[in-house]
Every structure is written in C-alpha cells, then in structure tokens.
Amino acid sequence: MNRLVKTIATASVLVMALAGCTTASSTAIETAEASPEATATAAETASTATFAASTGDCDAMAATFRDVESANADLADPELTAVCDGDTLTISSNSIPDYLYIATTPGSPKVSELTMTIPVTPTEADEPSAVPYLGALGVAVNGVPIYGPTEGTGGDVQSLEGALSVCGSHSGPTDFHIHWFGYADGVDCLYDADEVETGESLVVGWAADGYPIMSGIVCSDDECSETTQLTSSWELTDESQFATDTWAAHSYVEGSGDLDECNGRVDSDGQYRYYATTTFPYFLGCYHGDVADDALSGNNAAAPGGGPA
C-alpha cells in the first residue's frame, strides 16, 4: 500500500521559553546486564547495553519509581508509593505531577487517586488486547497516569493544536495525564533533554500488563557515540480520519518500523519492553501481556476497549 506519512513535531523541537525550570529529581535505578548477543542494525540496542527496567525483581521494579517532590506551589503535593507483595507490585498515586505544570487546558490538576497492580513476572498474551480509548493504560515513574493516543473527540491527541504541553501532558476533566513522551531544552518535564538525548536507558513508566515503557531514543552502537529514535510500525493511511478516529486513520504495517504492533520489542537481554515513539501510537498500540481485570482502579481507570489489537 502507499505509505502516507503525517509529520508530527517531536517534543524535542517544541522549545518553550520557560526560565528557571528545574528537572525533577529521581531515585537511583537498578540496571540489569544485557546478554552478549550481537545486534544487527543501528536501530537495535547494542549488545553491551544495560536496561534501567527489567521484570522479575519486584524491588528493582519498585525502585524505578521516584521519590516525588512538589514542583508547583499552587497544587497539592504529589503522592506516590510502589509496594511489593509477593508476586505483584502495587503503585498508588494522586496523579499530581512532580514537574512544572504548564496550563494548556482550562482548570488545574486536581487530586485523582489511581492504583495499578501489576505482576512482577508478566505473562505474554496469546493474542494482544486493546488499550483503552480513554483512561489510564499505565503509570509514569512519577505517578502521572499514562493515556493512549486518543482524545475525547476520538481523534489523535496531536490533532488538537495546543492541547498538550511540550511534556506531552495536560489536565483533563478527570485527571492530569501524559499522552506522549515530550521534552525540550530548558523545560521541566519527566526527563530533561540532556538525559533523553544521551541514549541511555530511561524508564518512562509501566503498563498495566507489567511490562516497562522506555524512552525511544537509544544508543546505536556499543560506545553510544550515536543515538537513534526507534520508530513505530503504524502508518497514517487515512489522513481524513486523523482528527476524528485516530485508530481508523492508522494501520499497522509489519516491519515498516522498529517496533511491533504494541509498540514494543524483545531486547538483547530477552525481555520485552514498550518504547515511546514520536508518531502514533506514542506509547502503546496494544497490550503485549495479559491484563488482570482489576489491574487499574481509581478515578482515571478505564474499561478496556480501544484500538484494534
């Protein structure tokens, strides 16, 4: 089929003139040594890479979540806990960001309780399942809910000019949440540009099936002398529906990008991870793993049922 490409500006070029912004602090993250298998292309993680997020060790998974601190004097203090209990990790948050809030929509972020319970060792699903049209599909490492690519109109979040801050987040009717991984020089976001552009393994958050969501800029060689942005394998095949039904507007074209239908891949250490991309679906195209019926609860939890999986 003909490939129709819609250029969507990345957050790295959406620089906002905000003086005095500081980057939110984060806790130390444990890393797991990758396998020695050689990689074939620049788009694949180098064989000597380490990954900041791996499943199977609950304490290490919990350690990827931050010790959040207030960055907004006029908002409630952010609250976030990550607690291990046997073979599950439970994350509880009040959805308040720990980075500077930039108003793009009416109203300011309000406390909205969210709890996500994920397996320490996720199970690959027999068939991928749909992520929600609206509502949380995961939680960022600072406790902010992660949403999919759809806005309330049914259209793509990028179709609403000015709806999102450079950080890819905004305050909705129910909660403050993030739709895509944004950053820029001099702007306080989940990570700053210097951190992202090194290509080091960065944890954006965790999905409701228990797999981690990573930054999409990765090292393209062993020494990390160059970096590359991993690309989605979803293509814009009906631009006329971009602003009204983003799932119908896009088609998964296997092998056209670096990632699978769910926007993830199996890395050189044998573990599956999702990766943030600059084009649809931005975080997840579907759930790669099984999702428990009670995985998400709270004001911003949504019933399953999103784009085709």
Protein backbone atom coordinates (compact mmCIF):
# COMPACT_ATOMS: atom_id res chain seq x y z
CA MET A 1 0.00 0.00 0.00
CA ASN A 2 1.08 3.57 -0.49
CA ARG A 3 2.70 4.94 2.58
CA LEU A 4 1.10 8.19 3.77
CA VAL A 5 3.20 9.91 6.33
CA LYS A 6 1.95 12.70 8.55
CA THR A 7 4.78 14.66 10.10
CA ILE A 8 4.20 15.19 13.77
CA ALA A 9 6.56 17.53 15.54
CA THR A 10 8.59 15.92 18.25
CA ALA A 11 8.75 17.39 21.68
CA SER A 12 12.45 17.98 21.31
CA VAL A 13 11.81 20.81 18.86
CA LEU A 14 8.90 22.34 20.72
CA VAL A 15 11.02 24.58 22.88
CA MET A 16 9.17 26.84 25.28
CA ALA A 17 10.78 29.88 26.84
CA LEU A 18 10.47 28.99 30.46
CA ALA A 19 13.14 30.47 32.70
CA GLY A 20 14.19 28.93 35.99
CA CYS A 21 12.78 25.44 35.35
CA THR A 22 14.46 22.59 37.18
CA THR A 23 14.40 18.89 36.48
CA ALA A 24 12.52 16.68 38.95
CA SER A 25 14.82 14.51 40.99
CA SER A 26 14.67 10.75 40.71
CA THR A 27 15.80 7.81 42.78
CA ALA A 28 18.64 5.55 41.74
CA ILE A 29 17.61 2.89 39.24
CA GLU A 30 18.97 -0.62 39.23
CA THR A 31 20.16 -1.98 35.89
CA ALA A 32 20.42 -5.50 34.52
CA GLU A 33 23.34 -6.62 32.39
CA ALA A 34 22.32 -7.44 28.83
CA SER A 35 23.18 -10.67 27.03
CA PRO A 36 26.32 -10.77 24.85
CA GLU A 37 24.40 -11.39 21.61
CA ALA A 38 25.50 -9.09 18.82
CA THR A 39 22.95 -6.76 17.29
CA ALA A 40 22.40 -6.44 13.60
CA THR A 41 21.24 -2.87 12.94
CA ALA A 42 21.67 0.58 14.38
CA ALA A 43 18.03 0.58 15.45
CA GLU A 44 18.65 -2.34 17.81
CA THR A 45 20.10 -1.87 21.27
CA ALA A 46 23.84 -2.54 21.44
CA SER A 47 24.81 -5.93 22.85
CA THR A 48 26.61 -4.35 25.80
CA ALA A 49 23.65 -2.18 26.81
CA THR A 50 22.12 -2.16 30.25
CA PHE A 51 18.43 -1.64 30.81
CA ALA A 52 17.01 0.51 33.56
CA ALA A 53 13.82 -1.55 33.77
CA SER A 54 13.55 -5.32 33.82
CA THR A 55 10.82 -7.59 35.14
CA GLY A 56 11.19 -10.43 37.62
CA ASP A 57 12.66 -8.48 40.55
CA CYS A 58 9.95 -6.57 42.42
CA ASP A 59 12.34 -4.45 44.45
CA ALA A 60 14.17 -3.35 41.32
CA MET A 61 10.87 -2.58 39.59
CA ALA A 62 9.67 -0.54 42.57
CA ALA A 63 12.97 1.36 42.63
CA THR A 64 12.25 2.82 39.19
CA PHE A 65 9.50 4.97 40.74
CA ARG A 66 10.59 8.34 42.08
CA ASP A 67 10.63 9.94 45.47
CA VAL A 68 8.34 12.69 44.22
CA GLU A 69 8.54 16.26 45.47
CA SER A 70 6.33 19.26 44.84
CA ALA A 71 7.22 21.44 41.85
CA ASN A 72 4.04 23.56 41.92
CA ALA A 73 3.28 25.73 44.93
CA ASP A 74 -0.37 26.15 43.93
CA LEU A 75 -1.06 22.41 43.51
CA ALA A 76 -1.45 19.61 46.03
CA ASP A 77 1.77 17.78 46.83
CA PRO A 78 2.34 14.73 44.61
CA GLU A 79 1.98 11.36 46.34
CA LEU A 80 3.37 8.08 45.05
CA THR A 81 4.08 4.66 46.52
CA ALA A 82 5.27 1.39 44.97
CA VAL A 83 4.82 -1.62 47.25
CA CYS A 84 5.84 -5.24 46.65
CA ASP A 85 3.55 -8.02 47.87
CA GLY A 86 4.57 -11.49 46.80
CA ASP A 87 4.39 -11.71 43.03
CA THR A 88 2.72 -8.32 42.49
CA LEU A 89 3.75 -4.66 42.60
CA THR A 90 1.11 -2.10 43.56
CA ILE A 91 1.57 1.53 42.55
CA SER A 92 -0.64 4.19 44.13
CA SER A 93 -0.63 7.82 43.06
CA ASN A 94 -2.68 11.00 43.37
CA SER A 95 -1.84 11.93 39.74
CA ILE A 96 -0.18 15.25 40.63
CA PRO A 97 2.98 15.91 38.56
CA ASP A 98 6.38 16.48 40.12
CA TYR A 99 7.41 18.76 37.28
CA LEU A 100 6.30 22.30 36.47
CA TYR A 101 2.66 22.39 35.39
CA ILE A 102 2.10 24.24 32.11
CA ALA A 103 -1.53 25.17 31.59
CA THR A 104 -2.85 24.23 28.14
CA THR A 105 -6.48 23.48 29.02
CA PRO A 106 -8.95 25.08 31.44
CA GLY A 107 -8.53 24.06 35.05
CA SER A 108 -5.55 22.93 37.08
CA PRO A 109 -4.56 19.37 38.06
CA LYS A 110 -6.64 18.04 40.94
CA VAL A 111 -6.01 15.06 43.16
CA SER A 112 -7.22 11.92 41.37
CA GLU A 113 -6.38 8.65 43.06
CA LEU A 114 -5.06 5.85 40.86
CA THR A 115 -3.93 2.36 41.84
CA MET A 116 -2.25 -0.06 39.46
CA THR A 117 -1.33 -3.63 40.44
CA ILE A 118 0.99 -5.41 38.04
CA PRO A 119 2.63 -8.84 38.01
CA VAL A 120 6.32 -8.99 38.83
CA THR A 121 6.67 -11.56 36.06
CA PRO A 122 4.21 -10.60 33.31
CA THR A 123 2.63 -13.20 31.05
CA GLU A 124 2.75 -12.79 27.30
CA ALA A 125 -0.82 -12.85 25.99
CA ASP A 126 -1.95 -15.46 23.48
CA GLU A 127 -3.29 -12.51 21.48
CA PRO A 128 -2.60 -8.79 22.07
CA SER A 129 -5.52 -6.87 23.58
CA ALA A 130 -6.73 -3.34 23.06
CA VAL A 131 -5.66 -0.42 25.23
CA PRO A 132 -8.41 1.97 26.41
CA TYR A 133 -9.65 4.76 24.15
CA LEU A 134 -9.73 6.98 27.23
CA GLY A 135 -8.28 6.48 30.68
CA ALA A 136 -5.03 5.15 32.07
CA LEU A 137 -3.16 2.30 30.40
CA GLY A 138 -0.20 2.62 32.75
CA VAL A 139 1.59 4.87 35.22
CA ALA A 140 4.70 7.01 34.71
CA VAL A 141 7.62 6.75 37.13
CA ASN A 142 6.46 9.99 38.79
CA GLY A 143 2.91 8.68 39.33
CA VAL A 144 1.23 10.53 36.46
CA PRO A 145 -1.26 8.35 34.55
CA ILE A 146 -0.26 7.36 31.01
CA TYR A 147 -3.02 7.54 28.40
CA GLY A 148 -3.24 6.30 24.82
CA PRO A 149 -3.22 8.33 21.57
CA THR A 150 -6.93 9.23 21.60
CA GLU A 151 -8.52 12.47 22.78
CA GLY A 152 -12.15 12.86 23.83
CA THR A 153 -13.10 13.69 20.24
CA GLY A 154 -11.94 10.25 19.12
CA GLY A 155 -9.21 11.94 17.15
CA ASP A 156 -5.49 11.89 17.67
CA VAL A 157 -4.13 13.92 20.58
CA GLN A 158 -1.85 15.68 18.08
CA SER A 159 -4.85 16.91 16.10
CA LEU A 160 -5.81 19.38 18.83
CA GLU A 161 -3.42 22.29 18.49
CA GLY A 162 -2.10 23.48 21.82
CA ALA A 163 -3.93 20.82 23.85
CA LEU A 164 -0.73 19.32 25.25
CA SER A 165 2.28 20.92 26.85
CA VAL A 166 5.76 20.32 25.49
CA CYS A 167 5.93 17.50 28.06
CA GLY A 168 3.10 15.69 26.25
CA SER A 169 0.74 16.12 29.19
CA HIS A 170 -2.32 18.12 30.16
CA SER A 171 -5.09 18.37 32.71
CA GLY A 172 -8.28 16.63 31.60
CA PRO A 173 -11.76 16.52 33.15
CA THR A 174 -10.78 13.62 35.42
CA ASP A 175 -7.04 13.92 35.98
CA PHE A 176 -3.68 15.19 34.87
CA HIS A 177 -2.12 12.70 32.45
CA ILE A 178 0.51 12.18 29.77
CA HIS A 179 -0.24 11.15 26.16
CA TRP A 180 3.24 11.12 24.67
CA PHE A 181 6.84 11.43 25.82
CA GLY A 182 7.84 15.06 25.45
CA TYR A 183 10.91 17.05 26.43
CA ALA A 184 12.80 20.16 25.39
CA ASP A 185 15.87 22.16 26.35
CA GLY A 186 15.26 24.27 29.43
CA VAL A 187 11.81 22.82 30.14
CA ASP A 188 10.92 20.82 33.23
CA CYS A 189 9.36 17.53 32.09
CA LEU A 190 9.54 13.88 33.16
CA TYR A 191 13.17 13.99 31.93
CA ASP A 192 15.19 16.87 30.55
CA ALA A 193 16.65 16.94 27.05
CA ASP A 194 20.19 16.23 28.23
CA GLU A 195 19.06 12.99 29.90
CA VAL A 196 17.00 11.81 26.94
CA GLU A 197 19.44 12.60 24.17
CA THR A 198 22.29 10.60 25.69
CA GLY A 199 20.50 7.45 24.54
CA GLU A 200 20.81 5.90 27.99
CA SER A 201 18.04 3.54 29.06
CA LEU A 202 15.29 5.65 30.66
CA VAL A 203 12.11 4.31 32.24
CA VAL A 204 9.04 6.34 31.33
CA GLY A 205 6.65 4.12 33.28
CA TRP A 206 4.95 0.73 33.49
CA ALA A 207 1.97 -0.61 31.57
CA ALA A 208 -0.98 -2.39 33.20
CA ASP A 209 0.26 -5.77 31.93
CA GLY A 210 3.52 -5.41 33.85
CA TYR A 211 5.92 -4.55 31.03
CA PRO A 212 8.05 -1.37 31.22
CA ILE A 213 7.68 1.64 28.93
CA MET A 214 11.01 3.12 27.85
CA SER A 215 12.24 6.27 26.16
CA GLY A 216 12.54 5.68 22.42
CA ILE A 217 15.96 7.27 21.90
CA VAL A 218 18.56 4.50 22.20
CA CYS A 219 22.26 4.01 21.62
CA SER A 220 23.02 2.80 18.11
CA ASP A 221 26.47 1.37 18.87
CA ASP A 222 28.40 -0.15 21.75
CA GLU A 223 30.06 3.11 22.74
CA CYS A 224 26.85 5.12 22.34
CA SER A 225 28.66 7.54 20.07
CA GLU A 226 25.41 7.87 18.12
CA THR A 227 21.76 7.56 19.07
CA THR A 228 18.61 6.75 17.15
CA GLN A 229 14.90 7.26 17.70
CA LEU A 230 13.02 3.97 17.44
CA THR A 231 10.10 4.17 15.04
CA SER A 232 6.56 2.88 15.19
CA SER A 233 5.28 0.36 12.62
CA TRP A 234 1.91 2.11 12.47
CA GLU A 235 1.33 4.28 9.40
CA LEU A 236 -1.17 7.03 8.70
CA THR A 237 -3.22 5.50 5.90
CA ASP A 238 -6.34 7.70 6.06
CA GLU A 239 -5.43 11.27 6.95
CA SER A 240 -9.09 12.32 6.69
CA GLN A 241 -9.84 10.49 9.96
CA PHE A 242 -6.83 11.72 11.91
CA ALA A 243 -8.86 14.28 13.85
CA THR A 244 -11.96 12.13 14.35
CA ASP A 245 -10.90 8.46 14.68
CA THR A 246 -7.16 8.05 15.03
CA TRP A 247 -7.35 4.24 15.26
CA ALA A 248 -9.18 4.03 11.94
CA ALA A 249 -6.76 6.56 10.47
CA HIS A 250 -3.73 4.36 11.17
CA SER A 251 -2.78 0.87 10.02
CA TYR A 252 -0.16 -1.48 11.43
CA VAL A 253 2.34 -2.38 8.71
CA GLU A 254 4.58 -5.16 9.99
CA GLY A 255 8.26 -4.43 9.54
CA SER A 256 7.79 -0.83 8.45
CA GLY A 257 9.33 0.43 11.70
CA ASP A 258 11.48 -0.84 14.54
CA LEU A 259 8.68 -1.99 16.85
CA ASP A 260 5.81 -4.47 16.84
CA GLU A 261 2.06 -3.82 16.82
CA CYS A 262 2.05 -2.99 20.53
CA ASN A 263 4.97 -0.55 20.07
CA GLY A 264 7.49 -2.79 21.78
CA ARG A 265 10.22 -5.33 21.12
CA VAL A 266 12.27 -8.07 22.76
CA ASP A 267 15.63 -6.57 23.71
CA SER A 268 19.06 -8.19 23.68
CA ASP A 269 18.57 -9.45 27.25
CA GLY A 270 15.49 -11.41 26.15
CA GLN A 271 12.97 -9.13 27.89
CA TYR A 272 10.04 -7.39 26.25
CA ARG A 273 9.71 -3.60 26.58
CA TYR A 274 7.48 -0.90 25.10
CA TYR A 275 9.16 2.18 23.61
CA ALA A 276 7.92 5.75 23.25
CA THR A 277 7.71 6.98 19.65
CA THR A 278 7.15 10.40 18.11
CA THR A 279 4.29 9.14 15.96
CA PHE A 280 1.14 7.09 16.63
CA PRO A 281 0.59 5.30 18.99
CA TYR A 282 3.21 7.25 21.03
CA PHE A 283 3.27 4.71 23.89
CA LEU A 284 1.26 1.50 23.32
CA GLY A 285 -0.57 0.18 20.29
CA CYS A 286 -1.96 -2.75 22.31
CA TYR A 287 -1.18 -4.78 25.41
CA HIS A 288 1.50 -7.39 24.75
CA GLY A 289 0.76 -9.16 28.05
CA ASP A 290 -2.25 -10.34 29.98
CA VAL A 291 -4.01 -7.60 31.94
CA ALA A 292 -5.92 -8.50 35.11
CA ASP A 293 -9.48 -7.23 35.36
CA ASP A 294 -8.58 -5.28 38.49
CA ALA A 295 -5.15 -4.09 37.34
CA LEU A 296 -6.26 -0.45 37.34
CA SER A 297 -8.62 1.23 39.78
CA GLY A 298 -9.44 4.80 40.68
CA ASN A 299 -10.98 7.89 39.14
CA ASN A 300 -8.97 7.63 35.93
CA ALA A 301 -9.11 3.89 35.39
CA ALA A 302 -10.91 2.92 32.22
CA ALA A 303 -12.67 -0.16 30.97
CA PRO A 304 -10.74 -1.98 28.21
CA GLY A 305 -11.69 -1.30 24.63
CA GLY A 306 -9.54 0.81 22.38
CA GLY A 307 -7.97 0.49 19.02
CA PRO A 308 -7.81 -2.81 17.14
CA ALA A 309 -5.38 -5.36 18.56
